[in-house]
Amino acid sequence: MNTPTKYTVAIHGTGKRGKVHAETFCKDGRFEVVAICGRNRERLDAAALLAGDPKRYQDPAQMLRETKPDIFCFCTPPSVRLPLIRLGVEHGVKLIAYEKPMATSFNEAAEITDICRQAGVKTVVSHQIKYGSHFQKVKEIIASGALGRVHTVYGTTLGWLLQMGSHVVDYCRYFNGEADAEWVFGQVSGGEKLTDSHPSPDFALGEIQFRNGVRGLVEIGNLAQDVPEVEYFWHKVRIGAQGTEGFAEALIGGGWRAVTQDSGGPISGPGCWNAQLDQPPYIRDIALWLDDESRIHPCNGESALKGFEILMAICRSALERRRVFLPLERGEPEIQRLSGILPGTHCSAA
């Protein structure tokens, strides 16, 4: 029996998410973390210990040039996505794993996708919450047909568009079988979060018509419905599906619940995002995809692009006061355009 390939990994970014990636890659026997990079020396040293004490760098270009890893993983603010993608491709990596959102504009997301397609480099975007047992349970209920014909998927979060909206849309698509969107109608309001590290309108409301006939509804930001079952702000996220015979939904921090055609009433179960439980299978699937082209990672970049395109279509619809059909064409960056008309909390575009 052949010994499975061990893939080498270089990591850039030593904040909370960088440390989670460093530790999880290190603990999985399919990977060897050969280098880690960060600007803050104290955080770099702490992350290196979690990663098995690999070589330490403060320049990602130097790190990639000297270590030539199979995988480049970076956990950095979204403003530097494109330069780091280019860096990974230039140094011949096989796969790039990075944090959501995949970009800050559709132009940038499309360019990232084009660069990686042309170079044959795989990409994975961190929409790993779908690995949670409660999300898996809802997916199982939907796939079983117990909801009858699914006609609506929905999501709500108090987090803003580029911070949590990427998760919401991705998991709505996940529950809807990864169907493509046909058109989007959106409304946005408030400009306080436009100066955030994940620049966004304070609130975005989107209606999505999927090509399989299912309608999607998403509320993202400070005017979204609360999720009172959950206390922790970043876990106040509800994603679900409604069918002709019932519904099923998962809360990032509050388990799952459903009513189905055979349940005889409400049913529910536990579940909460847990990096120790849910990050390892996300990481292991990277190795399995590199082993076998047919084992496409559930968080692959092509799927992430389709979700991100929906987010940017919501913004364009608000800006242009019309329904927006997909696929999008490249145009003026959406968040930049919003910055010109949403200077404060009392301005809106619809």
Protein backbone atom coordinates (compact mmCIF):
# COMPACT_ATOMS: atom_id res chain seq x y z
CA MET A 1 0.00 0.00 0.00
CA ASN A 2 1.39 3.40 -1.02
CA THR A 3 2.08 5.93 1.72
CA PRO A 4 -0.17 9.01 1.26
CA THR A 5 1.58 12.14 0.08
CA LYS A 6 2.48 14.62 2.80
CA TYR A 7 1.91 18.16 1.54
CA THR A 8 4.02 21.10 2.67
CA VAL A 9 2.31 24.26 3.91
CA ALA A 10 3.43 27.88 4.35
CA ILE A 11 1.15 30.16 6.35
CA HIS A 12 0.94 33.95 6.31
CA GLY A 13 -1.01 35.65 9.11
CA THR A 14 -0.77 34.99 12.84
CA GLY A 15 -4.01 36.36 14.26
CA LYS A 16 -6.81 34.22 15.67
CA ARG A 17 -7.66 32.51 12.38
CA GLY A 18 -4.02 32.13 11.41
CA LYS A 19 -3.37 30.27 14.64
CA VAL A 20 -6.35 27.96 14.06
CA HIS A 21 -5.01 27.07 10.62
CA ALA A 22 -1.46 26.64 11.89
CA GLU A 23 -2.50 24.26 14.66
CA THR A 24 -4.92 22.26 12.52
CA PHE A 25 -2.47 21.77 9.63
CA CYS A 26 0.20 20.76 12.13
CA LYS A 27 -2.00 18.14 13.81
CA ASP A 28 -3.00 16.49 10.52
CA GLY A 29 -0.45 13.91 9.42
CA ARG A 30 -1.12 14.67 5.75
CA PHE A 31 0.63 18.04 6.09
CA GLU A 32 3.91 19.54 7.24
CA VAL A 33 3.97 23.24 8.08
CA VAL A 34 7.37 24.33 6.77
CA ALA A 35 7.09 28.06 7.40
CA ILE A 36 4.94 30.72 9.03
CA CYS A 37 4.98 34.47 8.45
CA GLY A 38 3.72 37.53 10.31
CA ARG A 39 4.61 41.13 11.06
CA ASN A 40 4.20 41.00 14.83
CA ARG A 41 7.09 39.03 16.31
CA GLU A 42 5.30 38.04 19.52
CA ARG A 43 2.27 36.69 17.67
CA LEU A 44 4.54 35.03 15.12
CA ASP A 45 6.38 33.14 17.84
CA ALA A 46 3.12 32.03 19.47
CA ALA A 47 1.68 30.80 16.17
CA ALA A 48 4.94 29.01 15.30
CA LEU A 49 4.70 26.93 18.44
CA LEU A 50 1.21 25.78 17.41
CA ALA A 51 2.54 24.93 13.93
CA GLY A 52 5.36 22.66 15.11
CA ASP A 53 8.01 25.38 15.29
CA PRO A 54 8.71 25.81 11.54
CA LYS A 55 10.89 28.50 9.97
CA ARG A 56 9.66 32.02 10.75
CA TYR A 57 9.46 34.90 8.31
CA GLN A 58 8.20 38.46 8.18
CA ASP A 59 8.13 38.66 4.38
CA PRO A 60 5.72 36.28 2.58
CA ALA A 61 7.59 36.55 -0.73
CA GLN A 62 10.83 35.46 0.90
CA MET A 63 9.01 32.65 2.68
CA LEU A 64 7.52 31.26 -0.53
CA ARG A 65 10.75 31.69 -2.50
CA GLU A 66 12.83 29.81 0.06
CA THR A 67 10.42 27.05 1.11
CA LYS A 68 8.52 26.34 -2.16
CA PRO A 69 5.45 24.87 -0.43
CA ASP A 70 2.65 22.84 -2.00
CA ILE A 71 0.06 24.95 -0.18
CA PHE A 72 0.01 28.66 0.60
CA CYS A 73 -2.46 29.54 3.35
CA PHE A 74 -3.05 33.15 4.30
CA CYS A 75 -5.32 34.65 6.96
CA THR A 76 -5.18 38.41 6.41
CA PRO A 77 -7.57 41.37 5.94
CA PRO A 78 -9.49 41.31 2.62
CA SER A 79 -7.71 44.39 1.25
CA VAL A 80 -4.61 42.30 0.38
CA ARG A 81 -6.23 39.24 -1.24
CA LEU A 82 -5.14 39.82 -4.84
CA PRO A 83 -1.43 40.54 -4.20
CA LEU A 84 -1.12 37.40 -2.06
CA ILE A 85 -2.92 35.26 -4.65
CA ARG A 86 -0.47 36.52 -7.28
CA LEU A 87 2.42 35.77 -4.95
CA GLY A 88 1.29 32.18 -4.44
CA VAL A 89 0.78 31.58 -8.15
CA GLU A 90 4.16 33.12 -9.03
CA HIS A 91 5.89 30.72 -6.65
CA GLY A 92 4.23 27.63 -8.09
CA VAL A 93 2.00 26.48 -5.24
CA LYS A 94 -0.59 23.78 -5.95
CA LEU A 95 -3.34 25.19 -3.76
CA ILE A 96 -4.09 28.49 -2.02
CA ALA A 97 -6.31 28.47 1.08
CA TYR A 98 -7.50 31.82 2.37
CA GLU A 99 -10.09 33.57 4.49
CA LYS A 100 -13.45 34.88 3.40
CA PRO A 101 -14.53 37.13 1.82
CA MET A 102 -12.62 36.21 -1.31
CA ALA A 103 -12.30 39.89 -2.34
CA THR A 104 -13.69 43.39 -1.80
CA SER A 105 -15.19 43.79 -5.30
CA PHE A 106 -16.47 41.58 -8.08
CA ASN A 107 -13.64 42.78 -10.34
CA GLU A 108 -11.08 41.53 -7.86
CA ALA A 109 -12.89 38.23 -7.28
CA ALA A 110 -13.10 37.61 -11.03
CA GLU A 111 -9.40 38.45 -11.48
CA ILE A 112 -8.43 36.07 -8.66
CA THR A 113 -10.46 33.33 -10.32
CA ASP A 114 -8.96 33.99 -13.76
CA ILE A 115 -5.37 34.00 -12.45
CA CYS A 116 -5.84 30.70 -10.63
CA ARG A 117 -7.70 29.01 -13.49
CA GLN A 118 -4.97 29.94 -15.97
CA ALA A 119 -2.23 28.71 -13.64
CA GLY A 120 -4.08 25.54 -12.67
CA VAL A 121 -3.92 26.48 -8.99
CA LYS A 122 -6.72 25.24 -6.75
CA THR A 123 -8.26 27.60 -4.20
CA VAL A 124 -10.22 27.05 -1.00
CA VAL A 125 -12.09 29.80 0.88
CA SER A 126 -12.88 29.50 4.59
CA HIS A 127 -16.60 28.74 4.63
CA GLN A 128 -15.90 25.89 7.01
CA ILE A 129 -18.94 26.31 9.28
CA LYS A 130 -20.90 24.00 6.96
CA TYR A 131 -18.82 21.15 8.43
CA GLY A 132 -20.65 21.56 11.75
CA SER A 133 -22.84 18.61 12.74
CA HIS A 134 -25.94 20.85 12.91
CA PHE A 135 -25.41 22.12 9.35
CA GLN A 136 -24.78 18.57 8.17
CA LYS A 137 -28.05 17.48 9.82
CA VAL A 138 -30.09 20.17 8.07
CA LYS A 139 -28.46 19.28 4.75
CA GLU A 140 -29.37 15.63 5.37
CA ILE A 141 -33.01 16.52 6.10
CA ILE A 142 -33.29 18.61 2.94
CA ALA A 143 -31.66 15.91 0.79
CA SER A 144 -34.00 13.24 2.18
CA GLY A 145 -37.05 14.97 0.70
CA ALA A 146 -38.66 15.31 4.14
CA LEU A 147 -39.45 18.97 3.47
CA GLY A 148 -41.28 18.22 0.23
CA ARG A 149 -40.43 20.60 -2.59
CA VAL A 150 -38.02 23.23 -1.27
CA HIS A 151 -39.13 26.66 -2.48
CA THR A 152 -37.20 29.07 -0.23
CA VAL A 153 -33.78 29.30 1.43
CA TYR A 154 -33.09 32.07 3.91
CA GLY A 155 -30.35 33.54 6.05
CA THR A 156 -29.96 36.28 8.62
CA THR A 157 -26.98 37.72 10.48
CA LEU A 158 -26.27 40.87 12.47
CA GLY A 159 -22.72 40.86 11.08
CA TRP A 160 -22.07 43.10 8.08
CA LEU A 161 -21.79 42.20 4.40
CA LEU A 162 -18.10 41.38 3.94
CA GLN A 163 -17.73 40.06 7.47
CA MET A 164 -20.63 37.57 7.70
CA GLY A 165 -22.60 37.95 4.48
CA SER A 166 -20.16 35.65 2.70
CA HIS A 167 -21.04 32.88 5.16
CA VAL A 168 -24.78 33.47 4.90
CA VAL A 169 -24.96 33.32 1.11
CA ASP A 170 -22.59 30.35 0.90
CA TYR A 171 -24.69 28.26 3.30
CA CYS A 172 -27.93 29.24 1.56
CA ARG A 173 -26.38 27.94 -1.65
CA TYR A 174 -25.19 24.82 0.22
CA PHE A 175 -28.74 24.04 1.37
CA ASN A 176 -29.97 24.69 -2.18
CA GLY A 177 -27.64 22.20 -3.85
CA GLU A 178 -25.15 24.87 -5.02
CA ALA A 179 -27.68 26.15 -7.59
CA ASP A 180 -26.65 29.18 -9.66
CA ALA A 181 -28.49 32.48 -9.21
CA GLU A 182 -30.48 33.94 -12.10
CA TRP A 183 -31.12 37.43 -10.70
CA VAL A 184 -30.79 39.47 -7.51
CA PHE A 185 -32.67 42.42 -6.08
CA GLY A 186 -31.06 44.35 -3.23
CA GLN A 187 -31.31 47.26 -0.85
CA VAL A 188 -28.62 48.72 1.40
CA SER A 189 -28.48 51.31 4.15
CA GLY A 190 -25.94 53.02 6.40
CA GLY A 191 -22.27 53.83 5.89
CA GLU A 192 -20.58 53.46 9.27
CA LYS A 193 -19.08 50.06 8.39
CA LEU A 194 -17.62 51.33 5.11
CA THR A 195 -14.42 52.19 7.01
CA ASP A 196 -14.21 48.77 8.68
CA SER A 197 -11.44 46.29 7.81
CA HIS A 198 -14.26 44.44 6.00
CA PRO A 199 -15.86 47.52 4.37
CA SER A 200 -19.61 47.13 4.00
CA PRO A 201 -22.93 48.93 4.15
CA ASP A 202 -24.38 48.69 7.65
CA PHE A 203 -27.31 46.66 6.33
CA ALA A 204 -28.07 44.76 3.15
CA LEU A 205 -31.28 43.02 2.14
CA GLY A 206 -31.26 40.64 -0.79
CA GLU A 207 -33.78 38.63 -2.76
CA ILE A 208 -32.28 35.93 -4.98
CA GLN A 209 -33.93 33.93 -7.74
CA PHE A 210 -32.05 30.68 -8.25
CA ARG A 211 -32.12 28.88 -11.57
CA ASN A 212 -33.69 25.79 -10.00
CA GLY A 213 -36.77 27.83 -9.07
CA VAL A 214 -35.92 28.32 -5.41
CA ARG A 215 -36.11 31.84 -3.96
CA GLY A 216 -33.48 33.10 -1.51
CA LEU A 217 -33.92 35.81 1.13
CA VAL A 218 -30.98 37.23 3.09
CA GLU A 219 -30.75 39.91 5.79
CA ILE A 220 -27.21 41.04 6.58
CA GLY A 221 -26.25 43.70 9.09
CA ASN A 222 -27.57 45.92 11.85
CA LEU A 223 -31.24 45.92 10.77
CA ALA A 224 -31.45 42.15 10.35
CA GLN A 225 -33.66 40.07 12.60
CA ASP A 226 -32.08 39.07 15.87
CA VAL A 227 -31.43 35.40 16.61
CA PRO A 228 -32.54 35.48 20.27
CA GLU A 229 -31.74 31.82 20.87
CA VAL A 230 -28.03 32.69 20.68
CA GLU A 231 -26.12 35.10 22.94
CA TYR A 232 -22.71 35.44 21.25
CA PHE A 233 -22.88 38.14 18.54
CA TRP A 234 -20.89 36.34 15.84
CA HIS A 235 -22.96 33.17 16.28
CA LYS A 236 -26.28 34.97 15.80
CA VAL A 237 -26.74 33.50 12.34
CA ARG A 238 -29.76 31.56 11.08
CA ILE A 239 -29.71 29.62 7.79
CA GLY A 240 -32.63 27.48 6.66
CA ALA A 241 -34.86 26.04 3.99
CA GLN A 242 -38.65 26.05 3.66
CA GLY A 243 -40.48 23.39 1.69
CA THR A 244 -44.05 22.41 0.93
CA GLU A 245 -44.02 19.94 3.86
CA GLY A 246 -41.94 21.73 6.48
CA PHE A 247 -38.74 23.59 7.27
CA ALA A 248 -35.23 22.95 8.62
CA GLU A 249 -32.69 25.46 9.88
CA ALA A 250 -29.32 25.70 11.60
CA LEU A 251 -28.06 28.42 13.91
CA ILE A 252 -24.29 28.86 13.96
CA GLY A 253 -24.38 28.98 17.75
CA GLY A 254 -27.66 27.25 18.54
CA GLY A 255 -28.08 23.81 17.01
CA TRP A 256 -30.71 22.81 14.48
CA ARG A 257 -34.49 22.41 14.37
CA ALA A 258 -37.07 21.27 11.89
CA VAL A 259 -40.63 20.27 11.18
CA THR A 260 -40.96 17.63 8.46
CA GLN A 261 -43.75 15.68 6.84
CA ASP A 262 -43.10 12.74 9.15
CA SER A 263 -41.83 14.39 12.34
CA GLY A 264 -45.20 14.79 14.07
CA GLY A 265 -44.12 18.20 15.36
CA PRO A 266 -40.91 20.14 16.00
CA ILE A 267 -37.64 18.22 16.25
CA SER A 268 -34.24 19.65 17.16
CA GLY A 269 -30.68 18.85 18.12
CA PRO A 270 -27.46 20.42 19.37
CA GLY A 271 -24.63 22.04 17.47
CA CYS A 272 -22.35 25.06 17.57
CA TRP A 273 -19.34 26.19 15.54
CA ASN A 274 -16.31 24.60 17.16
CA ALA A 275 -12.90 25.03 15.56
CA GLN A 276 -11.54 21.94 17.30
CA LEU A 277 -14.24 19.76 15.71
CA ASP A 278 -15.07 21.47 12.43
CA GLN A 279 -11.73 22.83 11.19
CA PRO A 280 -9.97 19.41 10.92
CA PRO A 281 -12.26 17.94 8.21
CA TYR A 282 -12.05 21.20 6.28
CA ILE A 283 -8.25 20.90 6.34
CA ARG A 284 -8.23 17.16 5.57
CA ASP A 285 -10.38 17.74 2.47
CA ILE A 286 -7.55 19.89 1.07
CA ALA A 287 -5.28 16.84 1.01
CA LEU A 288 -8.01 14.67 -0.49
CA TRP A 289 -8.58 17.16 -3.32
CA LEU A 290 -4.86 17.34 -4.06
CA ASP A 291 -4.79 13.52 -4.09
CA ASP A 292 -7.76 13.20 -6.43
CA GLU A 293 -9.08 15.85 -8.86
CA SER A 294 -12.59 14.43 -8.58
CA ARG A 295 -12.81 15.04 -4.80
CA ILE A 296 -13.50 18.75 -5.14
CA HIS A 297 -13.32 20.62 -1.86
CA PRO A 298 -16.75 21.76 -0.58
CA CYS A 299 -15.29 25.24 -0.01
CA ASN A 300 -13.62 25.53 -3.43
CA GLY A 301 -12.99 28.96 -4.91
CA GLU A 302 -15.32 28.50 -7.89
CA SER A 303 -18.25 28.02 -5.50
CA ALA A 304 -17.07 30.93 -3.37
CA LEU A 305 -17.08 33.15 -6.47
CA LYS A 306 -20.76 32.38 -7.12
CA GLY A 307 -21.67 33.33 -3.57
CA PHE A 308 -19.56 36.49 -3.64
CA GLU A 309 -21.14 37.44 -6.96
CA ILE A 310 -24.54 37.41 -5.24
CA LEU A 311 -23.26 39.77 -2.52
CA MET A 312 -21.95 42.22 -5.09
CA ALA A 313 -25.17 41.92 -7.11
CA ILE A 314 -27.10 43.03 -4.01
CA CYS A 315 -24.93 46.15 -3.91
CA ARG A 316 -25.26 46.82 -7.64
CA SER A 317 -29.03 46.40 -7.48
CA ALA A 318 -29.23 48.98 -4.69
CA LEU A 319 -26.94 51.36 -6.54
CA GLU A 320 -28.72 51.02 -9.88
CA ARG A 321 -32.27 50.67 -8.51
CA ARG A 322 -33.05 47.63 -10.58
CA ARG A 323 -33.04 43.85 -10.67
CA VAL A 324 -29.56 42.60 -11.59
CA PHE A 325 -29.11 39.51 -13.73
CA LEU A 326 -26.20 37.13 -13.32
CA PRO A 327 -23.47 36.44 -14.32
CA LEU A 328 -22.14 39.92 -13.58
CA GLU A 329 -19.92 41.88 -15.90
CA ARG A 330 -16.91 43.67 -14.47
CA GLY A 331 -17.52 47.27 -13.47
CA GLU A 332 -16.72 49.99 -10.97
CA PRO A 333 -16.00 48.45 -7.54
CA GLU A 334 -19.26 48.12 -5.61
CA ILE A 335 -18.09 49.14 -2.13
CA GLN A 336 -16.24 52.11 -3.59
CA ARG A 337 -19.44 53.23 -5.32
CA LEU A 338 -21.42 52.86 -2.10
CA SER A 339 -18.86 54.99 -0.27
CA GLY A 340 -19.87 57.89 -2.47
CA ILE A 341 -23.54 57.79 -1.46
CA LEU A 342 -23.61 56.25 2.02
CA PRO A 343 -21.61 58.75 4.10
CA GLY A 344 -23.65 58.20 7.27
CA THR A 345 -26.27 56.14 8.99
CA HIS A 346 -29.22 58.08 7.58
CA CYS A 347 -28.44 57.68 3.87
CA SER A 348 -29.59 54.76 1.78
CA ALA A 349 -29.63 53.32 -1.70
CA ALA A 350 -32.46 51.17 -2.97
